[in-house]
Amino acid sequence: MIKAGIVGTGYAANQRAQVLQTDERSRLVVFSGHTPEKTQEFAHTHNTSAVDSWQQVVKHPEVDLVFVCTVNRDHGAIVRAALEAGKHIVVEYPISLDPSEAESLIALARSKGKLLHVEHIELLGGLHQALRQSLSETGNAVYARYITIVPKHPAPKRWTYHRELFGFPFKAALPHIHRFTNLFGKVAAVSCQTRFWGDGEYYTACLCSGQFRFVNGLIAEVTYAKGEGFWQGLRNFEVHGDKGTLVFESEEGTLIREEERIPIAVAGKRGLFVKDTTMVLDYLATGTPLYVSPEESLYALKVGEAARQSAETGETVTLE
């Protein structure tokens, strides 16, 4: 029996709790929340016990496995405390907002002989799987573009719009980089620009746009924007090669070659947290390999940090 604790009460935490309470190999022992209302609701929904802080979750004597489903700023501290307490860890990306700390946490997990799994459900999703399966149809890929725009009127005063709690967009919304490094490998250089609207801790909108030159020659442009500064939602991914072009608009894919327009099936994205949680239990129970390593997530985080440095200095950053 794998006994688990959860830090957080949001969507990801609820999805994971559902699996932990229904899979015969596991049990949710304890959790911590942020507000009394959500904490009470979570305890009632999943028939489990609440404690006052994440520190109590990671030190709980019955807990073998901790799920970290809370604000990005606190990930590193919680992961370190849990590893030092001898627990296995599952953390939503990023491991930490600081790549140096993330690297030290991976080393700590290795020295303790504990699982450190960084969730990247986007790699399991229909869009990424369709991209991977169809990529060879483009031949030699030379240019790619990924755009995500999420209008919000008014912008919510939530942690995802908080400068410190969320972090720099390309480190916080890490899959915007990880999709590319997973498909195309190492990055040679990064140039990035950002703009934020609103004063104080919370912003009302943000725009983050970067250009990434890969070691294999590919040029990728990535744009992430959200909030009150935008009115039309957009989620497009394109890959252009010498033999064809892949275009994904929302959940619809097309392979384009001369006059051909070939539809590409894209599976839905429901149930991915459930799938990720089940895969973690499979790994702990039988050693079944996971779909992503913490080192892969760390590399994407380092590229995100290079984007932050470029946005701050106005200069292109070269990666080793």
C-alpha atoms as a PDB file:
ATOM      1  CA  MET A   1       0.000   0.000   0.000  1.00  0.00           C
ATOM      2  CA  ILE A   2       1.445   3.352  -1.086  1.00  0.00           C
ATOM      3  CA  LYS A   3       0.402   6.019   1.411  1.00  0.00           C
ATOM      4  CA  ALA A   4       0.295   9.509  -0.041  1.00  0.00           C
ATOM      5  CA  GLY A   5      -0.003  13.131   1.006  1.00  0.00           C
ATOM      6  CA  ILE A   6      -0.987  16.100  -1.154  1.00  0.00           C
ATOM      7  CA  VAL A   7      -0.031  19.767  -0.879  1.00  0.00           C
ATOM      8  CA  GLY A   8      -2.814  21.747  -2.564  1.00  0.00           C
ATOM      9  CA  THR A   9      -6.543  21.522  -3.280  1.00  0.00           C
ATOM     10  CA  GLY A  10      -6.814  22.717  -6.897  1.00  0.00           C
ATOM     11  CA  TYR A  11      -7.720  20.829 -10.065  1.00  0.00           C
ATOM     12  CA  ALA A  12      -4.534  18.747 -10.237  1.00  0.00           C
ATOM     13  CA  ALA A  13      -4.772  17.854  -6.543  1.00  0.00           C
ATOM     14  CA  ASN A  14      -8.387  16.728  -6.951  1.00  0.00           C
ATOM     15  CA  GLN A  15      -7.561  14.572  -9.955  1.00  0.00           C
ATOM     16  CA  ARG A  16      -4.683  12.911  -8.124  1.00  0.00           C
ATOM     17  CA  ALA A  17      -6.748  12.377  -4.971  1.00  0.00           C
ATOM     18  CA  GLN A  18      -9.409  10.619  -7.034  1.00  0.00           C
ATOM     19  CA  VAL A  19      -6.854   8.075  -8.271  1.00  0.00           C
ATOM     20  CA  LEU A  20      -5.213   7.599  -4.889  1.00  0.00           C
ATOM     21  CA  GLN A  21      -8.548   6.813  -3.243  1.00  0.00           C
ATOM     22  CA  THR A  22      -9.770   4.399  -5.931  1.00  0.00           C
ATOM     23  CA  ASP A  23      -6.574   2.512  -6.868  1.00  0.00           C
ATOM     24  CA  GLU A  24      -6.199  -0.521  -4.609  1.00  0.00           C
ATOM     25  CA  ARG A  25      -2.432   0.037  -4.401  1.00  0.00           C
ATOM     26  CA  SER A  26      -2.690   3.448  -2.713  1.00  0.00           C
ATOM     27  CA  ARG A  27      -4.405   5.541  -0.064  1.00  0.00           C
ATOM     28  CA  LEU A  28      -4.536   9.298   0.474  1.00  0.00           C
ATOM     29  CA  VAL A  29      -3.579   9.793   4.121  1.00  0.00           C
ATOM     30  CA  VAL A  30      -3.398  13.551   4.528  1.00  0.00           C
ATOM     31  CA  PHE A  31      -3.362  16.891   2.671  1.00  0.00           C
ATOM     32  CA  SER A  32      -2.950  20.613   3.284  1.00  0.00           C
ATOM     33  CA  GLY A  33      -4.928  23.467   1.725  1.00  0.00           C
ATOM     34  CA  HIS A  34      -4.735  27.233   1.463  1.00  0.00           C
ATOM     35  CA  THR A  35      -8.257  28.393   2.349  1.00  0.00           C
ATOM     36  CA  PRO A  36     -10.677  26.936   4.934  1.00  0.00           C
ATOM     37  CA  GLU A  37     -13.494  26.595   2.409  1.00  0.00           C
ATOM     38  CA  LYS A  38     -11.501  24.631  -0.151  1.00  0.00           C
ATOM     39  CA  THR A  39      -9.823  22.559   2.546  1.00  0.00           C
ATOM     40  CA  GLN A  40     -13.172  21.526   4.018  1.00  0.00           C
ATOM     41  CA  GLU A  41     -14.584  20.682   0.580  1.00  0.00           C
ATOM     42  CA  PHE A  42     -11.503  18.638  -0.381  1.00  0.00           C
ATOM     43  CA  ALA A  43     -11.618  16.657   2.886  1.00  0.00           C
ATOM     44  CA  HIS A  44     -15.306  15.891   2.394  1.00  0.00           C
ATOM     45  CA  THR A  45     -14.987  14.961  -1.293  1.00  0.00           C
ATOM     46  CA  HIS A  46     -12.079  12.578  -0.824  1.00  0.00           C
ATOM     47  CA  ASN A  47     -12.827  11.350   2.695  1.00  0.00           C
ATOM     48  CA  THR A  48      -9.400  12.247   4.031  1.00  0.00           C
ATOM     49  CA  SER A  49      -7.755  14.347   6.742  1.00  0.00           C
ATOM     50  CA  ALA A  50      -6.416  17.904   6.549  1.00  0.00           C
ATOM     51  CA  VAL A  51      -3.413  19.365   8.368  1.00  0.00           C
ATOM     52  CA  ASP A  52      -2.477  23.001   8.821  1.00  0.00           C
ATOM     53  CA  SER A  53       0.665  23.218   6.662  1.00  0.00           C
ATOM     54  CA  TRP A  54       2.692  21.553   3.936  1.00  0.00           C
ATOM     55  CA  GLN A  55       5.420  20.970   6.528  1.00  0.00           C
ATOM     56  CA  GLN A  56       3.051  18.636   8.383  1.00  0.00           C
ATOM     57  CA  VAL A  57       2.317  16.740   5.167  1.00  0.00           C
ATOM     58  CA  VAL A  58       5.975  16.059   4.335  1.00  0.00           C
ATOM     59  CA  LYS A  59       6.810  15.069   7.934  1.00  0.00           C
ATOM     60  CA  HIS A  60       3.767  12.835   8.408  1.00  0.00           C
ATOM     61  CA  PRO A  61       5.062   9.434   9.607  1.00  0.00           C
ATOM     62  CA  GLU A  62       2.619   7.410   7.499  1.00  0.00           C
ATOM     63  CA  VAL A  63       3.278   9.204   4.196  1.00  0.00           C
ATOM     64  CA  ASP A  64       5.522   7.500   1.607  1.00  0.00           C
ATOM     65  CA  LEU A  65       4.734   9.743  -1.382  1.00  0.00           C
ATOM     66  CA  VAL A  66       4.066  13.485  -1.563  1.00  0.00           C
ATOM     67  CA  PHE A  67       2.288  15.274  -4.432  1.00  0.00           C
ATOM     68  CA  VAL A  68       3.164  18.972  -4.711  1.00  0.00           C
ATOM     69  CA  CYS A  69       0.229  20.794  -6.339  1.00  0.00           C
ATOM     70  CA  THR A  70       0.648  24.358  -5.130  1.00  0.00           C
ATOM     71  CA  VAL A  71       2.098  27.714  -6.230  1.00  0.00           C
ATOM     72  CA  ASN A  72       5.303  27.601  -8.288  1.00  0.00           C
ATOM     73  CA  ARG A  73       7.297  29.725  -5.844  1.00  0.00           C
ATOM     74  CA  ASP A  74       7.098  27.060  -3.123  1.00  0.00           C
ATOM     75  CA  HIS A  75       7.930  23.977  -5.180  1.00  0.00           C
ATOM     76  CA  GLY A  76      11.643  23.889  -4.445  1.00  0.00           C
ATOM     77  CA  ALA A  77      11.286  24.277  -0.669  1.00  0.00           C
ATOM     78  CA  ILE A  78       8.594  21.590  -0.410  1.00  0.00           C
ATOM     79  CA  VAL A  79      10.469  19.124  -2.624  1.00  0.00           C
ATOM     80  CA  ARG A  80      13.657  19.550  -0.583  1.00  0.00           C
ATOM     81  CA  ALA A  81      11.884  19.096   2.740  1.00  0.00           C
ATOM     82  CA  ALA A  82      10.065  16.001   1.513  1.00  0.00           C
ATOM     83  CA  LEU A  83      13.221  14.395   0.126  1.00  0.00           C
ATOM     84  CA  GLU A  84      15.084  15.099   3.356  1.00  0.00           C
ATOM     85  CA  ALA A  85      12.198  13.422   5.198  1.00  0.00           C
ATOM     86  CA  GLY A  86      12.685  10.324   3.024  1.00  0.00           C
ATOM     87  CA  LYS A  87       9.584  10.654   0.842  1.00  0.00           C
ATOM     88  CA  HIS A  88       9.042   9.996  -2.866  1.00  0.00           C
ATOM     89  CA  ILE A  89       7.980  13.174  -4.709  1.00  0.00           C
ATOM     90  CA  VAL A  90       5.664  14.105  -7.577  1.00  0.00           C
ATOM     91  CA  VAL A  91       5.734  17.835  -8.361  1.00  0.00           C
ATOM     92  CA  GLU A  92       3.873  19.835 -10.981  1.00  0.00           C
ATOM     93  CA  TYR A  93       6.315  21.690 -13.258  1.00  0.00           C
ATOM     94  CA  PRO A  94       8.604  23.432 -12.592  1.00  0.00           C
ATOM     95  CA  ILE A  95      10.706  21.576  -9.979  1.00  0.00           C
ATOM     96  CA  SER A  96      11.787  25.021  -8.822  1.00  0.00           C
ATOM     97  CA  LEU A  97      11.861  28.487 -10.362  1.00  0.00           C
ATOM     98  CA  ASP A  98      15.643  28.408  -9.819  1.00  0.00           C
ATOM     99  CA  PRO A  99      17.476  25.984 -12.171  1.00  0.00           C
ATOM    100  CA  SER A 100      20.427  25.669  -9.754  1.00  0.00           C
ATOM    101  CA  GLU A 101      18.095  24.603  -6.961  1.00  0.00           C
ATOM    102  CA  ALA A 102      16.305  22.213  -9.325  1.00  0.00           C
ATOM    103  CA  GLU A 103      19.628  20.600 -10.218  1.00  0.00           C
ATOM    104  CA  SER A 104      20.529  20.151  -6.549  1.00  0.00           C
ATOM    105  CA  LEU A 105      17.118  18.585  -5.843  1.00  0.00           C
ATOM    106  CA  ILE A 106      17.625  16.012  -8.587  1.00  0.00           C
ATOM    107  CA  ALA A 107      21.000  15.146  -7.062  1.00  0.00           C
ATOM    108  CA  LEU A 108      19.411  14.911  -3.592  1.00  0.00           C
ATOM    109  CA  ALA A 109      16.694  12.545  -4.841  1.00  0.00           C
ATOM    110  CA  ARG A 110      19.352  10.366  -6.436  1.00  0.00           C
ATOM    111  CA  SER A 111      21.421  10.253  -3.240  1.00  0.00           C
ATOM    112  CA  LYS A 112      18.329   9.358  -1.186  1.00  0.00           C
ATOM    113  CA  GLY A 113      17.199   6.701  -3.658  1.00  0.00           C
ATOM    114  CA  LYS A 114      13.782   8.371  -3.972  1.00  0.00           C
ATOM    115  CA  LEU A 115      11.521   9.064  -6.922  1.00  0.00           C
ATOM    116  CA  LEU A 116      11.436  12.691  -8.097  1.00  0.00           C
ATOM    117  CA  HIS A 117       8.874  12.918 -10.896  1.00  0.00           C
ATOM    118  CA  VAL A 118       8.085  16.245 -12.548  1.00  0.00           C
ATOM    119  CA  GLU A 119       4.648  16.174 -14.161  1.00  0.00           C
ATOM    120  CA  HIS A 120       4.525  17.137 -17.842  1.00  0.00           C
ATOM    121  CA  ILE A 121       1.088  15.921 -18.907  1.00  0.00           C
ATOM    122  CA  GLU A 122       1.326  17.914 -22.150  1.00  0.00           C
ATOM    123  CA  LEU A 123       3.737  15.249 -23.416  1.00  0.00           C
ATOM    124  CA  LEU A 124       0.981  12.668 -22.892  1.00  0.00           C
ATOM    125  CA  GLY A 125      -1.678  14.808 -24.583  1.00  0.00           C
ATOM    126  CA  GLY A 126      -3.171  14.362 -28.017  1.00  0.00           C
ATOM    127  CA  LEU A 127      -1.508  17.412 -29.580  1.00  0.00           C
ATOM    128  CA  HIS A 128       2.026  16.412 -28.626  1.00  0.00           C
ATOM    129  CA  GLN A 129       1.512  12.770 -29.526  1.00  0.00           C
ATOM    130  CA  ALA A 130       0.116  13.740 -32.941  1.00  0.00           C
ATOM    131  CA  LEU A 131       3.083  16.085 -33.459  1.00  0.00           C
ATOM    132  CA  ARG A 132       5.574  13.380 -32.596  1.00  0.00           C
ATOM    133  CA  GLN A 133       3.915  10.766 -34.811  1.00  0.00           C
ATOM    134  CA  SER A 134       3.623  13.113 -37.807  1.00  0.00           C
ATOM    135  CA  LEU A 135       6.904  15.015 -37.521  1.00  0.00           C
ATOM    136  CA  SER A 136       8.820  12.853 -39.994  1.00  0.00           C
ATOM    137  CA  GLU A 137       6.305  13.850 -42.709  1.00  0.00           C
ATOM    138  CA  THR A 138       7.811  17.368 -42.751  1.00  0.00           C
ATOM    139  CA  GLY A 139      11.283  16.091 -43.703  1.00  0.00           C
ATOM    140  CA  ASN A 140      13.994  18.398 -42.382  1.00  0.00           C
ATOM    141  CA  ALA A 141      12.202  20.788 -40.024  1.00  0.00           C
ATOM    142  CA  VAL A 142      13.556  24.339 -40.379  1.00  0.00           C
ATOM    143  CA  TYR A 143      10.998  26.583 -38.650  1.00  0.00           C
ATOM    144  CA  ALA A 144       8.380  26.107 -35.937  1.00  0.00           C
ATOM    145  CA  ARG A 145       5.961  28.394 -34.159  1.00  0.00           C
ATOM    146  CA  TYR A 146       3.870  27.942 -31.009  1.00  0.00           C
ATOM    147  CA  ILE A 147       1.345  30.596 -29.959  1.00  0.00           C
ATOM    148  CA  THR A 148      -0.886  30.560 -26.881  1.00  0.00           C
ATOM    149  CA  ILE A 149      -3.114  33.582 -26.165  1.00  0.00           C
ATOM    150  CA  VAL A 150      -5.694  33.427 -23.367  1.00  0.00           C
ATOM    151  CA  PRO A 151      -7.873  36.562 -22.979  1.00  0.00           C
ATOM    152  CA  LYS A 152      -9.277  37.245 -19.490  1.00  0.00           C
ATOM    153  CA  HIS A 153     -11.685  40.110 -18.757  1.00  0.00           C
ATOM    154  CA  PRO A 154     -11.229  40.998 -15.983  1.00  0.00           C
ATOM    155  CA  ALA A 155      -7.904  39.381 -15.175  1.00  0.00           C
ATOM    156  CA  PRO A 156      -8.318  37.157 -12.104  1.00  0.00           C
ATOM    157  CA  LYS A 157      -6.444  38.063  -8.945  1.00  0.00           C
ATOM    158  CA  ARG A 158      -5.018  34.563  -8.680  1.00  0.00           C
ATOM    159  CA  TRP A 159      -1.496  33.266  -8.131  1.00  0.00           C
ATOM    160  CA  THR A 160      -1.124  32.616 -11.867  1.00  0.00           C
ATOM    161  CA  TYR A 161      -1.150  36.420 -12.331  1.00  0.00           C
ATOM    162  CA  HIS A 162       1.223  37.068  -9.416  1.00  0.00           C
ATOM    163  CA  ARG A 163       4.785  37.990 -10.348  1.00  0.00           C
ATOM    164  CA  GLU A 164       6.437  36.089  -7.500  1.00  0.00           C
ATOM    165  CA  LEU A 165       4.083  33.150  -7.002  1.00  0.00           C
ATOM    166  CA  PHE A 166       3.858  32.279 -10.726  1.00  0.00           C
ATOM    167  CA  GLY A 167       7.349  33.285 -11.842  1.00  0.00           C
ATOM    168  CA  PHE A 168       8.767  34.221 -15.235  1.00  0.00           C
ATOM    169  CA  PRO A 169       6.289  32.966 -17.876  1.00  0.00           C
ATOM    170  CA  PHE A 170       8.660  30.688 -19.809  1.00  0.00           C
ATOM    171  CA  LYS A 171       9.752  28.996 -16.568  1.00  0.00           C
ATOM    172  CA  ALA A 172       6.271  28.839 -15.065  1.00  0.00           C
ATOM    173  CA  ALA A 173       4.464  27.726 -18.253  1.00  0.00           C
ATOM    174  CA  LEU A 174       7.364  25.386 -18.967  1.00  0.00           C
ATOM    175  CA  PRO A 175       5.719  23.167 -21.640  1.00  0.00           C
ATOM    176  CA  HIS A 176       5.966  26.045 -24.119  1.00  0.00           C
ATOM    177  CA  ILE A 177       9.684  25.262 -24.163  1.00  0.00           C
ATOM    178  CA  HIS A 178       9.617  21.608 -23.182  1.00  0.00           C
ATOM    179  CA  ARG A 179       7.511  20.649 -26.213  1.00  0.00           C
ATOM    180  CA  PHE A 180      10.349  21.903 -28.418  1.00  0.00           C
ATOM    181  CA  THR A 181      13.264  20.430 -26.480  1.00  0.00           C
ATOM    182  CA  ASN A 182      11.425  17.098 -26.355  1.00  0.00           C
ATOM    183  CA  LEU A 183      10.969  17.099 -30.144  1.00  0.00           C
ATOM    184  CA  PHE A 184      14.098  18.891 -31.380  1.00  0.00           C
ATOM    185  CA  GLY A 185      16.796  18.543 -28.709  1.00  0.00           C
ATOM    186  CA  LYS A 186      19.332  21.113 -27.554  1.00  0.00           C
ATOM    187  CA  VAL A 187      19.042  24.898 -27.863  1.00  0.00           C
ATOM    188  CA  ALA A 188      22.010  26.992 -29.036  1.00  0.00           C
ATOM    189  CA  ALA A 189      20.751  30.549 -28.420  1.00  0.00           C
ATOM    190  CA  VAL A 190      17.742  32.403 -27.019  1.00  0.00           C
ATOM    191  CA  SER A 191      16.335  35.889 -27.604  1.00  0.00           C
ATOM    192  CA  CYS A 192      13.270  37.001 -25.663  1.00  0.00           C
ATOM    193  CA  GLN A 193      11.083  40.017 -24.956  1.00  0.00           C
ATOM    194  CA  THR A 194       8.376  40.476 -22.330  1.00  0.00           C
ATOM    195  CA  ARG A 195       5.756  43.019 -21.374  1.00  0.00           C
ATOM    196  CA  PHE A 196       3.522  43.182 -18.305  1.00  0.00           C
ATOM    197  CA  TRP A 197       0.482  45.387 -17.682  1.00  0.00           C
ATOM    198  CA  GLY A 198      -0.512  46.617 -14.229  1.00  0.00           C
ATOM    199  CA  ASP A 199       1.377  47.728 -11.149  1.00  0.00           C
ATOM    200  CA  GLY A 200       1.957  45.877  -7.923  1.00  0.00           C
ATOM    201  CA  GLU A 201       2.272  42.168  -7.190  1.00  0.00           C
ATOM    202  CA  TYR A 202      -0.498  41.149  -9.582  1.00  0.00           C
ATOM    203  CA  TYR A 203      -0.481  42.037 -13.276  1.00  0.00           C
ATOM    204  CA  THR A 204      -3.527  42.337 -15.495  1.00  0.00           C
ATOM    205  CA  ALA A 205      -1.860  40.934 -18.639  1.00  0.00           C
ATOM    206  CA  CYS A 206       1.468  39.582 -19.823  1.00  0.00           C
ATOM    207  CA  LEU A 207       3.150  38.937 -23.153  1.00  0.00           C
ATOM    208  CA  CYS A 208       6.247  36.786 -23.489  1.00  0.00           C
ATOM    209  CA  SER A 209       7.746  36.192 -26.936  1.00  0.00           C
ATOM    210  CA  GLY A 210      10.977  34.344 -27.651  1.00  0.00           C
ATOM    211  CA  GLN A 211      13.076  33.046 -30.527  1.00  0.00           C
ATOM    212  CA  PHE A 212      15.043  29.840 -29.999  1.00  0.00           C
ATOM    213  CA  ARG A 213      17.814  28.636 -32.312  1.00  0.00           C
ATOM    214  CA  PHE A 214      18.387  24.906 -31.933  1.00  0.00           C
ATOM    215  CA  VAL A 215      21.670  23.068 -32.377  1.00  0.00           C
ATOM    216  CA  ASN A 216      20.142  21.164 -35.313  1.00  0.00           C
ATOM    217  CA  GLY A 217      19.441  24.481 -37.132  1.00  0.00           C
ATOM    218  CA  LEU A 218      15.722  24.791 -36.386  1.00  0.00           C
ATOM    219  CA  ILE A 219      14.421  28.290 -35.593  1.00  0.00           C
ATOM    220  CA  ALA A 220      11.428  28.315 -33.227  1.00  0.00           C
ATOM    221  CA  GLU A 221       9.230  31.228 -32.185  1.00  0.00           C
ATOM    222  CA  VAL A 222       7.161  30.901 -29.027  1.00  0.00           C
ATOM    223  CA  THR A 223       4.530  33.346 -27.766  1.00  0.00           C
ATOM    224  CA  TYR A 224       2.674  33.105 -24.452  1.00  0.00           C
ATOM    225  CA  ALA A 225       0.129  35.798 -23.576  1.00  0.00           C
ATOM    226  CA  LYS A 226      -2.831  36.137 -21.239  1.00  0.00           C
ATOM    227  CA  GLY A 227      -5.059  38.638 -19.525  1.00  0.00           C
ATOM    228  CA  GLU A 228      -6.896  41.860 -20.262  1.00  0.00           C
ATOM    229  CA  GLY A 229      -4.613  43.007 -23.079  1.00  0.00           C
ATOM    230  CA  PHE A 230      -6.047  40.418 -25.495  1.00  0.00           C
ATOM    231  CA  TRP A 231      -9.459  39.714 -27.022  1.00  0.00           C
ATOM    232  CA  GLN A 232      -9.024  36.686 -29.278  1.00  0.00           C
ATOM    233  CA  GLY A 233      -7.913  33.330 -27.912  1.00  0.00           C
ATOM    234  CA  LEU A 234      -5.368  31.411 -29.964  1.00  0.00           C
ATOM    235  CA  ARG A 235      -3.576  28.083 -29.634  1.00  0.00           C
ATOM    236  CA  ASN A 236      -1.561  27.207 -32.738  1.00  0.00           C
ATOM    237  CA  PHE A 237       1.465  25.008 -33.329  1.00  0.00           C
ATOM    238  CA  GLU A 238       3.212  24.867 -36.717  1.00  0.00           C
ATOM    239  CA  VAL A 239       6.242  22.963 -38.005  1.00  0.00           C
ATOM    240  CA  HIS A 240       7.611  23.802 -41.474  1.00  0.00           C
ATOM    241  CA  GLY A 241       9.998  21.412 -43.222  1.00  0.00           C
ATOM    242  CA  ASP A 242      11.422  20.819 -46.681  1.00  0.00           C
ATOM    243  CA  LYS A 243       8.832  18.086 -47.388  1.00  0.00           C
ATOM    244  CA  GLY A 244       5.712  19.410 -45.693  1.00  0.00           C
ATOM    245  CA  THR A 245       4.091  21.574 -43.041  1.00  0.00           C
ATOM    246  CA  LEU A 246       2.186  20.560 -39.919  1.00  0.00           C
ATOM    247  CA  VAL A 247      -0.462  22.954 -38.620  1.00  0.00           C
ATOM    248  CA  PHE A 248      -2.394  22.392 -35.398  1.00  0.00           C
ATOM    249  CA  GLU A 249      -5.146  24.878 -34.595  1.00  0.00           C
ATOM    250  CA  SER A 250      -6.713  24.190 -31.225  1.00  0.00           C
ATOM    251  CA  GLU A 251      -7.475  20.436 -31.416  1.00  0.00           C
ATOM    252  CA  GLU A 252      -7.388  20.040 -35.218  1.00  0.00           C
ATOM    253  CA  GLY A 253      -4.293  18.999 -37.163  1.00  0.00           C
ATOM    254  CA  THR A 254      -3.394  19.183 -40.869  1.00  0.00           C
ATOM    255  CA  LEU A 255      -0.428  17.976 -42.912  1.00  0.00           C
ATOM    256  CA  ILE A 256       0.129  20.246 -45.940  1.00  0.00           C
ATOM    257  CA  ARG A 257       2.106  19.143 -49.018  1.00  0.00           C
ATOM    258  CA  GLU A 258       1.669  21.008 -52.306  1.00  0.00           C
ATOM    259  CA  GLU A 259      -2.070  20.741 -52.973  1.00  0.00           C
ATOM    260  CA  GLU A 260      -2.660  18.073 -50.339  1.00  0.00           C
ATOM    261  CA  ARG A 261      -4.463  18.816 -47.079  1.00  0.00           C
ATOM    262  CA  ILE A 262      -4.361  15.671 -44.951  1.00  0.00           C
ATOM    263  CA  PRO A 263      -6.314  15.760 -41.648  1.00  0.00           C
ATOM    264  CA  ILE A 264      -4.473  14.522 -38.542  1.00  0.00           C
ATOM    265  CA  ALA A 265      -6.451  13.040 -35.674  1.00  0.00           C
ATOM    266  CA  VAL A 266      -5.773  14.693 -32.324  1.00  0.00           C
ATOM    267  CA  ALA A 267      -6.909  12.865 -29.192  1.00  0.00           C
ATOM    268  CA  GLY A 268      -8.498  14.791 -26.339  1.00  0.00           C
ATOM    269  CA  LYS A 269      -6.677  15.942 -23.229  1.00  0.00           C
ATOM    270  CA  ARG A 270      -9.095  14.786 -20.559  1.00  0.00           C
ATOM    271  CA  GLY A 271      -7.852  12.439 -17.867  1.00  0.00           C
ATOM    272  CA  LEU A 272      -4.146  13.237 -18.180  1.00  0.00           C
ATOM    273  CA  PHE A 273      -3.568  13.887 -14.459  1.00  0.00           C
ATOM    274  CA  VAL A 274      -5.274  10.561 -13.783  1.00  0.00           C
ATOM    275  CA  LYS A 275      -2.981   8.873 -16.295  1.00  0.00           C
ATOM    276  CA  ASP A 276       0.120  10.535 -14.832  1.00  0.00           C
ATOM    277  CA  THR A 277      -0.824   9.503 -11.279  1.00  0.00           C
ATOM    278  CA  THR A 278      -1.487   5.914 -12.342  1.00  0.00           C
ATOM    279  CA  MET A 279       1.900   5.797 -14.096  1.00  0.00           C
ATOM    280  CA  VAL A 280       3.579   6.936 -10.864  1.00  0.00           C
ATOM    281  CA  LEU A 281       1.886   4.121  -8.955  1.00  0.00           C
ATOM    282  CA  ASP A 282       2.956   1.674 -11.686  1.00  0.00           C
ATOM    283  CA  TYR A 283       6.543   2.855 -11.315  1.00  0.00           C
ATOM    284  CA  LEU A 284       6.567   2.515  -7.535  1.00  0.00           C
ATOM    285  CA  ALA A 285       4.770  -0.843  -7.594  1.00  0.00           C
ATOM    286  CA  THR A 286       6.482  -2.586 -10.511  1.00  0.00           C
ATOM    287  CA  GLY A 287       9.272  -0.311 -11.793  1.00  0.00           C
ATOM    288  CA  THR A 288       7.464   0.532 -15.043  1.00  0.00           C
ATOM    289  CA  PRO A 289       9.429   3.412 -16.645  1.00  0.00           C
ATOM    290  CA  LEU A 290       7.897   6.885 -16.588  1.00  0.00           C
ATOM    291  CA  TYR A 291       7.425   9.001 -19.726  1.00  0.00           C
ATOM    292  CA  VAL A 292       9.733  11.865 -18.724  1.00  0.00           C
ATOM    293  CA  SER A 293      12.825  12.322 -16.567  1.00  0.00           C
ATOM    294  CA  PRO A 294      13.547  15.190 -14.145  1.00  0.00           C
ATOM    295  CA  GLU A 295      16.710  15.913 -16.140  1.00  0.00           C
ATOM    296  CA  GLU A 296      14.600  16.653 -19.236  1.00  0.00           C
ATOM    297  CA  SER A 297      12.437  19.046 -17.246  1.00  0.00           C
ATOM    298  CA  LEU A 298      15.562  20.677 -15.795  1.00  0.00           C
ATOM    299  CA  TYR A 299      16.982  21.297 -19.265  1.00  0.00           C
ATOM    300  CA  ALA A 300      13.779  23.032 -20.388  1.00  0.00           C
ATOM    301  CA  LEU A 301      13.934  25.103 -17.185  1.00  0.00           C
ATOM    302  CA  LYS A 302      17.488  26.181 -18.012  1.00  0.00           C
ATOM    303  CA  VAL A 303      16.330  27.332 -21.443  1.00  0.00           C
ATOM    304  CA  GLY A 304      13.501  29.237 -19.736  1.00  0.00           C
ATOM    305  CA  GLU A 305      16.045  30.923 -17.472  1.00  0.00           C
ATOM    306  CA  ALA A 306      18.073  31.915 -20.547  1.00  0.00           C
ATOM    307  CA  ALA A 307      14.890  33.497 -21.944  1.00  0.00           C
ATOM    308  CA  ARG A 308      14.452  35.448 -18.699  1.00  0.00           C
ATOM    309  CA  GLN A 309      18.035  36.698 -18.858  1.00  0.00           C
ATOM    310  CA  SER A 310      17.567  37.763 -22.479  1.00  0.00           C
ATOM    311  CA  ALA A 311      14.354  39.631 -21.666  1.00  0.00           C
ATOM    312  CA  GLU A 312      16.104  41.394 -18.775  1.00  0.00           C
ATOM    313  CA  THR A 313      19.267  42.403 -20.664  1.00  0.00           C
ATOM    314  CA  GLY A 314      17.933  42.815 -24.187  1.00  0.00           C
ATOM    315  CA  GLU A 315      20.687  40.560 -25.480  1.00  0.00           C
ATOM    316  CA  THR A 316      20.748  37.120 -27.091  1.00  0.00           C
ATOM    317  CA  VAL A 317      21.853  34.442 -24.621  1.00  0.00           C
ATOM    318  CA  THR A 318      24.044  31.584 -25.841  1.00  0.00           C
ATOM    319  CA  LEU A 319      23.656  28.219 -24.094  1.00  0.00           C
ATOM    320  CA  GLU A 320      26.497  25.803 -23.477  1.00  0.00           C
END
